[in-house]
C-alpha cells in the first residue's frame, strides 16, 4: 500500500509549500502591514474604537445592539457552513470508492486513493481552522455584548470610558478571529485546486493570494476608510 510521501511528487510538495506560505504570509501581512500602507483590517480597528467612543453617549443603545447581533449572525452562518463542509469532506474520505468515482467523472487521471484522501484532507484542514475561528469570534462578540451592557448610562461616570475601551478591545479581537476564519475559507477553496494537479494548486493559491491582497491593500473600500480616519486614543 503506497504511503503519503511515496505518492507526492516534487511539484506537489512545492505547490503545498506555496499554499501554506501564502496563507501564513498574507495573514501576517494583513495583521502587521507597513505603517504607511495599512490594511483594511487594521483600519477597521480605528473604526471599532470610534464605535465604542460614540456608544457611550448614544441614547438609546439599541442601534449598537443590532449591529453586534448582525456580526454574531455572520459568524454563526460561516461556522454552520464550515461544519457542513467538514461533514461532507469526512464522508468522502471515509469512502474511497466515492473518491475514485469523483476522480473518474472529472477525468483527473488515476492516482492512489491515499493521494486523493490527502488532497481532501488538506482542504479540510483550512475548513476546520475556519470553524474554530468562527466559533471563537462568535463567543468573543458575546463577551463584547456583555461588556457593552456594563457601560454606565451616565457618560461622566469614571467606569464609562474603561468599560467602553474593554468592549472595543474585545470587538477588535473577535474581528481578528473572524478575518482569520475567512482567509482559511479562501485558501480552503484554493486547496481544492490540487484535485486537478499540482500546477492547478499553484494557480488557485496565487489567485486567492492576489485577491486577498487586493481586498486588504488596494480596494475601493480601503480608500473610503482612509478618509478622515478616526484616531485610536483614550475613549
Protein backbone atom coordinates (compact mmCIF):
# COMPACT_ATOMS: atom_id res chain seq x y z
CA UNK A 1 0.00 0.00 0.00
CA UNK A 2 1.55 3.34 -1.02
CA UNK A 3 2.41 5.85 1.69
CA UNK A 4 1.73 9.57 1.55
CA UNK A 5 5.34 10.54 0.90
CA UNK A 6 5.72 7.97 -1.85
CA UNK A 7 2.82 9.36 -3.89
CA UNK A 8 3.80 13.03 -3.65
CA UNK A 9 5.85 14.44 -6.49
CA UNK A 10 8.25 17.38 -6.23
CA UNK A 11 5.63 19.55 -7.91
CA UNK A 12 3.08 18.52 -5.28
CA UNK A 13 5.44 19.40 -2.45
CA UNK A 14 6.35 22.78 -3.94
CA UNK A 15 2.68 23.62 -4.56
CA UNK A 16 1.80 22.66 -0.98
CA UNK A 17 4.67 24.76 0.33
CA UNK A 18 3.39 27.73 -1.67
CA UNK A 19 -0.16 27.16 -0.38
CA UNK A 20 0.81 27.30 3.28
CA UNK A 21 3.39 30.04 2.78
CA UNK A 22 0.82 32.21 1.00
CA UNK A 23 -1.77 31.57 3.70
CA UNK A 24 0.57 32.40 6.56
CA UNK A 25 2.22 35.24 4.67
CA UNK A 26 -0.93 37.16 3.76
CA UNK A 27 -2.22 36.64 7.29
CA UNK A 28 0.91 38.14 8.82
CA UNK A 29 1.00 40.97 6.29
CA UNK A 30 -2.65 41.81 6.95
CA UNK A 31 -2.17 42.00 10.71
CA UNK A 32 1.29 43.66 10.53
CA UNK A 33 1.13 45.93 7.48
CA UNK A 34 3.64 48.69 6.67
CA UNK A 35 2.97 51.79 8.75
CA UNK A 36 2.45 53.90 5.63
CA UNK A 37 0.13 51.41 3.94
CA UNK A 38 -2.29 49.89 6.49
CA UNK A 39 -4.62 47.07 5.58
CA UNK A 40 -8.41 47.23 5.71
CA UNK A 41 -8.35 45.04 8.81
CA UNK A 42 -6.09 47.44 10.70
CA UNK A 43 -8.09 50.45 9.53
CA UNK A 44 -11.22 48.86 10.93
CA UNK A 45 -9.55 48.75 14.35
CA UNK A 46 -9.79 52.55 14.43
CA UNK A 47 -13.46 52.49 13.49
CA UNK A 48 -14.27 49.84 16.09
CA UNK A 49 -12.74 52.04 18.79
CA UNK A 50 -14.63 55.03 17.40
CA UNK A 51 -17.83 52.97 17.54
CA UNK A 52 -17.39 52.39 21.27
CA UNK A 53 -16.45 56.04 21.78
CA UNK A 54 -19.77 57.10 20.25
CA UNK A 55 -21.59 54.30 22.05
CA UNK A 56 -21.00 55.94 25.45
CA UNK A 57 -23.26 58.91 24.74
CA UNK A 58 -25.73 57.29 22.33
CA UNK A 59 -29.27 57.02 23.67
CA UNK A 60 -30.92 54.65 23.26
CA UNK A 61 -28.27 51.99 22.60
CA UNK A 62 -30.50 49.59 20.71
CA UNK A 63 -28.74 50.56 17.46
CA UNK A 64 -25.41 49.27 18.79
CA UNK A 65 -27.03 46.06 19.98
CA UNK A 66 -28.44 45.47 16.49
CA UNK A 67 -25.01 45.96 14.89
CA UNK A 68 -23.40 43.48 17.27
CA UNK A 69 -26.15 40.95 16.65
CA UNK A 70 -25.51 41.25 12.92
CA UNK A 71 -21.82 40.48 13.49
CA UNK A 72 -22.70 37.44 15.56
CA UNK A 73 -25.11 36.18 12.91
CA UNK A 74 -22.30 36.36 10.36
CA UNK A 75 -20.03 34.17 12.49
CA UNK A 76 -22.89 31.73 13.10
CA UNK A 77 -23.57 31.37 9.38
CA UNK A 78 -19.95 30.65 8.46
CA UNK A 79 -19.46 28.30 11.42
CA UNK A 80 -22.52 26.30 10.34
CA UNK A 81 -21.37 26.22 6.72
CA UNK A 82 -17.91 25.04 7.84
CA UNK A 83 -19.45 22.20 9.87
CA UNK A 84 -21.42 21.03 6.84
CA UNK A 85 -18.27 21.13 4.69
CA UNK A 86 -16.30 19.19 7.31
CA UNK A 87 -19.00 16.53 7.48
CA UNK A 88 -19.11 16.17 3.71
CA UNK A 89 -15.34 16.00 3.43
CA UNK A 90 -15.02 13.37 6.16
CA UNK A 91 -17.69 11.27 4.49
CA UNK A 92 -15.78 11.47 1.22
CA UNK A 93 -12.51 10.48 2.87
CA UNK A 94 -14.16 7.52 4.56
CA UNK A 95 -15.47 6.18 1.27
CA UNK A 96 -12.52 5.58 -1.10
CA UNK A 97 -14.82 4.28 -3.82
CA UNK A 98 -16.56 7.67 -3.95
CA UNK A 99 -13.19 9.36 -4.33
CA UNK A 100 -12.31 7.14 -7.28
CA UNK A 101 -15.70 7.78 -8.86
CA UNK A 102 -15.35 11.56 -8.49
CA UNK A 103 -11.85 11.45 -9.97
CA UNK A 104 -13.09 9.36 -12.87
CA UNK A 105 -16.03 11.66 -13.61
CA UNK A 106 -13.75 14.70 -13.56
CA UNK A 107 -11.20 12.85 -15.71
CA UNK A 108 -8.44 13.72 -13.25
CA UNK A 109 -6.49 10.60 -14.00
CA UNK A 110 -5.64 7.54 -11.97
CA UNK A 111 -3.91 8.04 -8.64
CA UNK A 112 -3.65 6.09 -5.39
CA UNK A 113 -6.60 6.56 -3.05
CA UNK A 114 -4.30 7.84 -0.32
CA UNK A 115 -3.35 10.79 -2.52
CA UNK A 116 -6.99 11.75 -3.10
CA UNK A 117 -7.61 11.46 0.63
CA UNK A 118 -4.66 13.73 1.33
CA UNK A 119 -5.95 16.31 -1.14
CA UNK A 120 -9.36 16.38 0.53
CA UNK A 121 -7.78 16.45 4.00
CA UNK A 122 -5.71 19.49 3.03
CA UNK A 123 -8.84 21.42 2.15
CA UNK A 124 -10.50 20.17 5.34
CA UNK A 125 -7.58 21.48 7.39
CA UNK A 126 -8.40 25.02 6.31
CA UNK A 127 -12.13 24.50 6.80
CA UNK A 128 -11.59 23.09 10.29
CA UNK A 129 -9.38 26.03 11.19
CA UNK A 130 -12.06 28.39 9.88
CA UNK A 131 -14.70 26.65 12.00
CA UNK A 132 -12.66 27.05 15.18
CA UNK A 133 -12.00 30.73 14.44
CA UNK A 134 -15.65 31.48 13.66
CA UNK A 135 -16.81 29.79 16.86
CA UNK A 136 -14.28 31.75 18.93
CA UNK A 137 -15.22 35.00 17.19
CA UNK A 138 -18.88 34.33 17.97
CA UNK A 139 -18.05 33.85 21.63
CA UNK A 140 -15.88 36.97 21.77
CA UNK A 141 -18.65 39.06 20.24
CA UNK A 142 -20.85 37.69 23.02
CA UNK A 143 -18.31 38.83 25.61
CA UNK A 144 -18.24 42.21 23.90
CA UNK A 145 -22.03 42.46 24.20
CA UNK A 146 -21.83 41.84 27.95
CA UNK A 147 -19.15 44.50 28.39
CA UNK A 148 -21.19 46.95 26.33
CA UNK A 149 -24.15 46.27 28.61
CA UNK A 150 -21.93 47.06 31.60
CA UNK A 151 -21.11 50.58 30.34
CA UNK A 152 -22.86 53.05 32.66
CA UNK A 153 -25.62 55.18 31.17
CA UNK A 154 -24.02 58.34 32.55
CA UNK A 155 -21.23 59.43 30.19
CA UNK A 156 -19.37 61.18 33.02
CA UNK A 157 -19.19 58.01 35.11
CA UNK A 158 -15.50 57.06 35.64
CA UNK A 159 -16.23 53.49 34.52
CA UNK A 160 -17.82 54.51 31.22
CA UNK A 161 -14.53 55.08 29.39
CA UNK A 162 -12.93 51.99 30.93
CA UNK A 163 -15.74 49.59 30.03
CA UNK A 164 -16.12 51.06 26.53
CA UNK A 165 -12.39 50.61 25.90
CA UNK A 166 -12.57 46.99 27.08
CA UNK A 167 -15.53 46.38 24.79
CA UNK A 168 -13.61 47.89 21.87
CA UNK A 169 -10.60 45.65 22.50
CA UNK A 170 -12.78 42.54 22.64
CA UNK A 171 -14.54 43.63 19.45
CA UNK A 172 -11.17 44.00 17.71
CA UNK A 173 -10.01 40.58 18.93
CA UNK A 174 -13.24 38.95 17.76
CA UNK A 175 -12.84 40.60 14.35
CA UNK A 176 -9.30 39.21 14.04
CA UNK A 177 -10.57 35.67 14.61
CA UNK A 178 -13.36 36.26 12.12
CA UNK A 179 -10.90 37.53 9.49
CA UNK A 180 -8.61 34.55 10.04
CA UNK A 181 -11.60 32.28 9.53
CA UNK A 182 -12.48 33.98 6.26
CA UNK A 183 -8.90 33.68 5.00
CA UNK A 184 -8.96 29.98 5.87
CA UNK A 185 -12.12 29.57 3.80
CA UNK A 186 -10.45 31.34 0.87
CA UNK A 187 -7.40 29.12 1.00
CA UNK A 188 -9.54 26.04 1.58
CA UNK A 189 -11.08 26.79 -1.80
CA UNK A 190 -7.59 27.25 -3.23
CA UNK A 191 -6.61 23.85 -1.83
CA UNK A 192 -9.35 22.23 -3.91
CA UNK A 193 -7.31 23.15 -6.96
CA UNK A 194 -4.99 20.30 -6.02
CA UNK A 195 -7.67 17.87 -7.19
CA UNK A 196 -6.70 18.94 -10.71
CA UNK A 197 -2.99 18.64 -10.07
CA UNK A 198 -0.03 20.48 -8.56
CA UNK A 199 0.05 23.21 -11.19
CA UNK A 200 -3.61 23.99 -10.66
CA UNK A 201 -2.99 24.20 -6.92
CA UNK A 202 -0.23 26.71 -7.52
CA UNK A 203 -2.52 28.75 -9.78
CA UNK A 204 -5.51 28.76 -7.42
CA UNK A 205 -3.24 29.67 -4.49
CA UNK A 206 -1.80 32.58 -6.44
CA UNK A 207 -5.26 33.80 -7.43
CA UNK A 208 -6.53 33.66 -3.83
CA UNK A 209 -3.38 35.35 -2.53
CA UNK A 210 -3.72 38.17 -5.07
CA UNK A 211 -7.44 38.54 -4.39
CA UNK A 212 -6.89 38.72 -0.63
CA UNK A 213 -4.04 41.21 -1.01
CA UNK A 214 -6.12 43.45 -3.25
CA UNK A 215 -9.06 43.49 -0.86
CA UNK A 216 -6.81 44.41 2.05
CA UNK A 217 -4.43 46.86 0.38
CA UNK A 218 -5.81 48.10 -2.94
CA UNK A 219 -9.60 48.09 -2.77
CA UNK A 220 -12.01 50.98 -3.16
CA UNK A 221 -13.38 50.29 0.31
CA UNK A 222 -9.92 50.89 1.74
CA UNK A 223 -9.72 54.29 0.06
CA UNK A 224 -13.08 55.22 1.56
CA UNK A 225 -11.97 54.17 5.05
CA UNK A 226 -8.84 56.31 4.81
CA UNK A 227 -10.91 59.49 4.54
CA UNK A 228 -10.99 61.29 7.90
CA UNK A 229 -9.73 58.16 9.63
CA UNK A 230 -10.51 58.29 13.37
CA UNK A 231 -7.54 58.01 15.69
CA UNK A 232 -7.23 55.44 18.44
CA UNK A 233 -6.88 57.18 21.76
CA UNK A 234 -8.40 57.29 25.16
CA UNK A 235 -12.12 56.71 24.90
